[in-house]
């Protein structure tokens, strides 16, 4: 008898007769959690826009200051 055949026969003998079915379901999301996600997303977007506006203002102010100093 081959060693692989003995292992195969053992595995076939050990397996259960019926398959095991696992049902994984996510808990229902509440409206409060989706509302908080929307608010955090909008605050994040407006924060990025405000940061871009501040950096652009500092950059343009520095450029204007540098051009004025250079022309004088």
N, C-alpha and C. Protein backbone atom coordinates (compact mmCIF):
# COMPACT_ATOMS: atom_id res chain seq x y z
N UNK A 1 0.85 -1.18 0.00
CA UNK A 1 0.00 0.00 0.00
C UNK A 1 0.89 1.24 0.00
N UNK A 2 0.55 2.21 -0.84
CA UNK A 2 1.33 3.43 -0.95
C UNK A 2 1.08 4.33 0.26
N UNK A 3 2.12 5.08 0.72
CA UNK A 3 1.91 5.97 1.89
C UNK A 3 0.89 7.07 1.60
N UNK A 4 0.88 7.58 0.38
CA UNK A 4 -0.07 8.64 0.03
C UNK A 4 -1.49 8.15 0.02
N UNK A 5 -1.67 6.88 -0.36
CA UNK A 5 -3.01 6.31 -0.40
C UNK A 5 -3.57 6.13 1.01
N UNK A 6 -2.72 5.76 1.95
CA UNK A 6 -3.15 5.61 3.34
C UNK A 6 -3.61 6.97 3.91
N UNK A 7 -2.83 8.05 3.61
CA UNK A 7 -3.20 9.39 4.07
C UNK A 7 -4.53 9.82 3.45
N UNK A 8 -4.70 9.54 2.15
CA UNK A 8 -5.94 9.89 1.47
C UNK A 8 -7.13 9.15 2.09
N UNK A 9 -6.96 7.89 2.37
CA UNK A 9 -8.05 7.11 2.97
C UNK A 9 -8.38 7.64 4.36
N UNK A 10 -7.38 8.07 5.10
CA UNK A 10 -7.63 8.63 6.43
C UNK A 10 -8.41 9.94 6.34
N UNK A 11 -8.01 10.81 5.40
CA UNK A 11 -8.69 12.10 5.25
C UNK A 11 -10.13 11.92 4.79
N UNK A 12 -10.38 10.97 3.92
CA UNK A 12 -11.74 10.72 3.47
C UNK A 12 -12.59 10.20 4.62
N UNK A 13 -12.00 9.38 5.47
CA UNK A 13 -12.73 8.80 6.60
C UNK A 13 -13.03 9.85 7.66
N UNK A 14 -12.14 10.88 7.85
CA UNK A 14 -12.29 11.87 8.90
C UNK A 14 -13.31 12.95 8.54
N UNK A 15 -13.51 13.24 7.26
CA UNK A 15 -14.38 14.34 6.87
C UNK A 15 -15.82 14.07 7.27
N UNK A 16 -16.54 15.12 7.70
CA UNK A 16 -17.94 14.93 8.09
C UNK A 16 -18.81 14.63 6.88
N UNK A 17 -19.95 14.05 7.13
CA UNK A 17 -20.85 13.65 6.05
C UNK A 17 -21.54 14.86 5.44
N UNK A 18 -21.88 15.85 6.26
CA UNK A 18 -22.57 17.03 5.75
C UNK A 18 -21.61 18.22 5.77
N UNK A 19 -21.71 19.12 4.81
CA UNK A 19 -20.85 20.30 4.80
C UNK A 19 -21.24 21.27 5.91
N UNK A 20 -20.27 22.02 6.38
CA UNK A 20 -20.52 23.04 7.40
C UNK A 20 -20.71 24.37 6.69
N UNK A 21 -21.85 24.99 6.90
CA UNK A 21 -22.16 26.26 6.25
C UNK A 21 -22.15 27.35 7.31
N UNK A 22 -21.35 28.38 7.07
CA UNK A 22 -21.25 29.51 7.99
C UNK A 22 -21.84 30.73 7.28
N UNK A 23 -22.83 31.33 7.90
CA UNK A 23 -23.47 32.52 7.33
C UNK A 23 -22.95 33.75 8.07
N UNK A 24 -22.20 34.59 7.35
CA UNK A 24 -21.64 35.81 7.95
C UNK A 24 -22.45 36.99 7.45
N UNK A 25 -23.15 37.64 8.36
CA UNK A 25 -23.95 38.81 8.01
C UNK A 25 -23.46 40.00 8.81
N UNK A 26 -23.48 41.15 8.17
CA UNK A 26 -23.08 42.37 8.86
C UNK A 26 -24.28 42.92 9.63
N UNK A 27 -24.02 43.50 10.80
CA UNK A 27 -25.14 44.09 11.54
C UNK A 27 -25.67 45.30 10.77
N UNK A 28 -26.95 45.57 10.87
CA UNK A 28 -27.51 46.71 10.15
C UNK A 28 -26.91 48.02 10.66
N UNK A 29 -26.61 48.90 9.73
CA UNK A 29 -26.03 50.19 10.10
C UNK A 29 -27.15 51.14 10.53
N UNK A 30 -26.88 51.88 11.57
CA UNK A 30 -27.87 52.86 12.02
C UNK A 30 -27.72 54.13 11.20
N UNK A 31 -28.77 54.93 11.19
CA UNK A 31 -28.73 56.19 10.44
C UNK A 31 -27.72 57.15 11.06
N UNK A 32 -27.49 57.04 12.35
CA UNK A 32 -26.56 57.93 13.02
C UNK A 32 -25.13 57.68 12.54
N UNK A 33 -24.76 56.42 12.32
CA UNK A 33 -23.40 56.13 11.87
C UNK A 33 -23.18 56.64 10.45
N UNK A 34 -24.16 56.49 9.57
CA UNK A 34 -23.99 57.00 8.21
C UNK A 34 -23.98 58.52 8.19
N UNK A 35 -24.78 59.15 9.05
CA UNK A 35 -24.79 60.61 9.13
C UNK A 35 -23.44 61.13 9.63
N UNK A 36 -22.86 60.45 10.62
CA UNK A 36 -21.56 60.88 11.13
C UNK A 36 -20.48 60.71 10.07
N UNK A 37 -20.57 59.66 9.26
CA UNK A 37 -19.59 59.48 8.19
C UNK A 37 -19.70 60.60 7.16
N UNK A 38 -20.90 61.01 6.84
CA UNK A 38 -21.10 62.11 5.89
C UNK A 38 -20.54 63.41 6.46
N UNK A 39 -20.81 63.68 7.74
CA UNK A 39 -20.31 64.91 8.35
C UNK A 39 -18.79 64.93 8.42
N UNK A 40 -18.20 63.81 8.81
CA UNK A 40 -16.74 63.76 8.87
C UNK A 40 -16.12 63.91 7.48
N UNK A 41 -16.74 63.32 6.49
CA UNK A 41 -16.24 63.46 5.12
C UNK A 41 -16.31 64.89 4.63
N UNK A 42 -17.41 65.58 4.92
CA UNK A 42 -17.55 66.96 4.47
C UNK A 42 -16.60 67.88 5.23
N UNK A 43 -16.40 67.60 6.52
CA UNK A 43 -15.44 68.41 7.28
C UNK A 43 -14.03 68.19 6.77
N UNK A 44 -13.72 66.97 6.40
CA UNK A 44 -12.40 66.68 5.85
C UNK A 44 -12.19 67.40 4.53
N UNK A 45 -13.20 67.40 3.66
CA UNK A 45 -13.09 68.07 2.37
C UNK A 45 -12.96 69.58 2.54
N UNK A 46 -13.77 70.17 3.42
CA UNK A 46 -13.68 71.62 3.62
C UNK A 46 -12.36 71.98 4.30
N UNK A 47 -11.83 71.10 5.15
CA UNK A 47 -10.52 71.35 5.77
C UNK A 47 -9.41 71.37 4.73
N UNK A 48 -9.47 70.44 3.78
CA UNK A 48 -8.46 70.40 2.72
C UNK A 48 -8.56 71.66 1.86
N UNK A 49 -9.78 72.06 1.53
CA UNK A 49 -9.95 73.27 0.72
C UNK A 49 -9.45 74.51 1.46
N UNK A 50 -9.73 74.61 2.76
CA UNK A 50 -9.26 75.75 3.55
C UNK A 50 -7.73 75.76 3.62
N UNK A 51 -7.13 74.61 3.81
CA UNK A 51 -5.67 74.53 3.86
C UNK A 51 -5.05 74.93 2.52
N UNK A 52 -5.67 74.51 1.43
CA UNK A 52 -5.17 74.91 0.11
C UNK A 52 -5.28 76.41 -0.09
N UNK A 53 -6.37 77.01 0.36
CA UNK A 53 -6.56 78.46 0.22
C UNK A 53 -5.52 79.21 1.04
N UNK A 54 -5.24 78.75 2.25
CA UNK A 54 -4.24 79.41 3.10
C UNK A 54 -2.86 79.31 2.47
N UNK A 55 -2.50 78.13 1.98
CA UNK A 55 -1.18 77.96 1.36
C UNK A 55 -1.06 78.79 0.08
N UNK A 56 -2.13 78.86 -0.70
CA UNK A 56 -2.10 79.67 -1.92
C UNK A 56 -1.97 81.16 -1.56
N UNK A 57 -2.67 81.61 -0.52
CA UNK A 57 -2.57 83.01 -0.10
C UNK A 57 -1.17 83.34 0.39
N UNK A 58 -0.56 82.44 1.17
CA UNK A 58 0.82 82.68 1.64
C UNK A 58 1.78 82.71 0.46
N UNK A 59 1.58 81.79 -0.49
CA UNK A 59 2.45 81.75 -1.66
C UNK A 59 2.34 82.99 -2.52
N UNK A 60 1.13 83.43 -2.78
CA UNK A 60 0.94 84.64 -3.60
C UNK A 60 1.43 85.89 -2.86
N UNK A 61 1.20 85.94 -1.54
CA UNK A 61 1.71 87.08 -0.76
C UNK A 61 3.23 87.13 -0.79
N UNK A 62 3.87 85.98 -0.65
CA UNK A 62 5.34 85.94 -0.73
C UNK A 62 5.85 86.34 -2.10
N UNK A 63 5.16 85.90 -3.16
CA UNK A 63 5.55 86.27 -4.52
C UNK A 63 5.40 87.77 -4.74
N UNK A 64 4.30 88.35 -4.27
CA UNK A 64 4.11 89.79 -4.42
C UNK A 64 5.16 90.57 -3.62
N UNK A 65 5.45 90.10 -2.42
CA UNK A 65 6.47 90.75 -1.60
C UNK A 65 7.83 90.67 -2.29
N UNK A 66 8.16 89.52 -2.85
CA UNK A 66 9.46 89.34 -3.51
C UNK A 66 9.55 90.21 -4.77
N UNK A 67 8.46 90.29 -5.58
CA UNK A 67 8.47 91.11 -6.78
C UNK A 67 8.59 92.59 -6.43
N UNK A 68 7.94 93.02 -5.37
CA UNK A 68 8.00 94.44 -4.97
C UNK A 68 9.41 94.80 -4.50
N UNK A 69 10.02 93.90 -3.72
CA UNK A 69 11.39 94.16 -3.22
C UNK A 69 12.39 94.17 -4.37
N UNK A 70 12.15 93.34 -5.38
CA UNK A 70 13.07 93.24 -6.48
C UNK A 70 12.99 94.45 -7.42
N UNK A 71 11.79 95.01 -7.57
CA UNK A 71 11.62 96.15 -8.47
C UNK A 71 12.11 97.46 -7.85
N UNK A 72 12.23 97.51 -6.53
CA UNK A 72 12.62 98.75 -5.88
C UNK A 72 14.12 99.01 -5.95
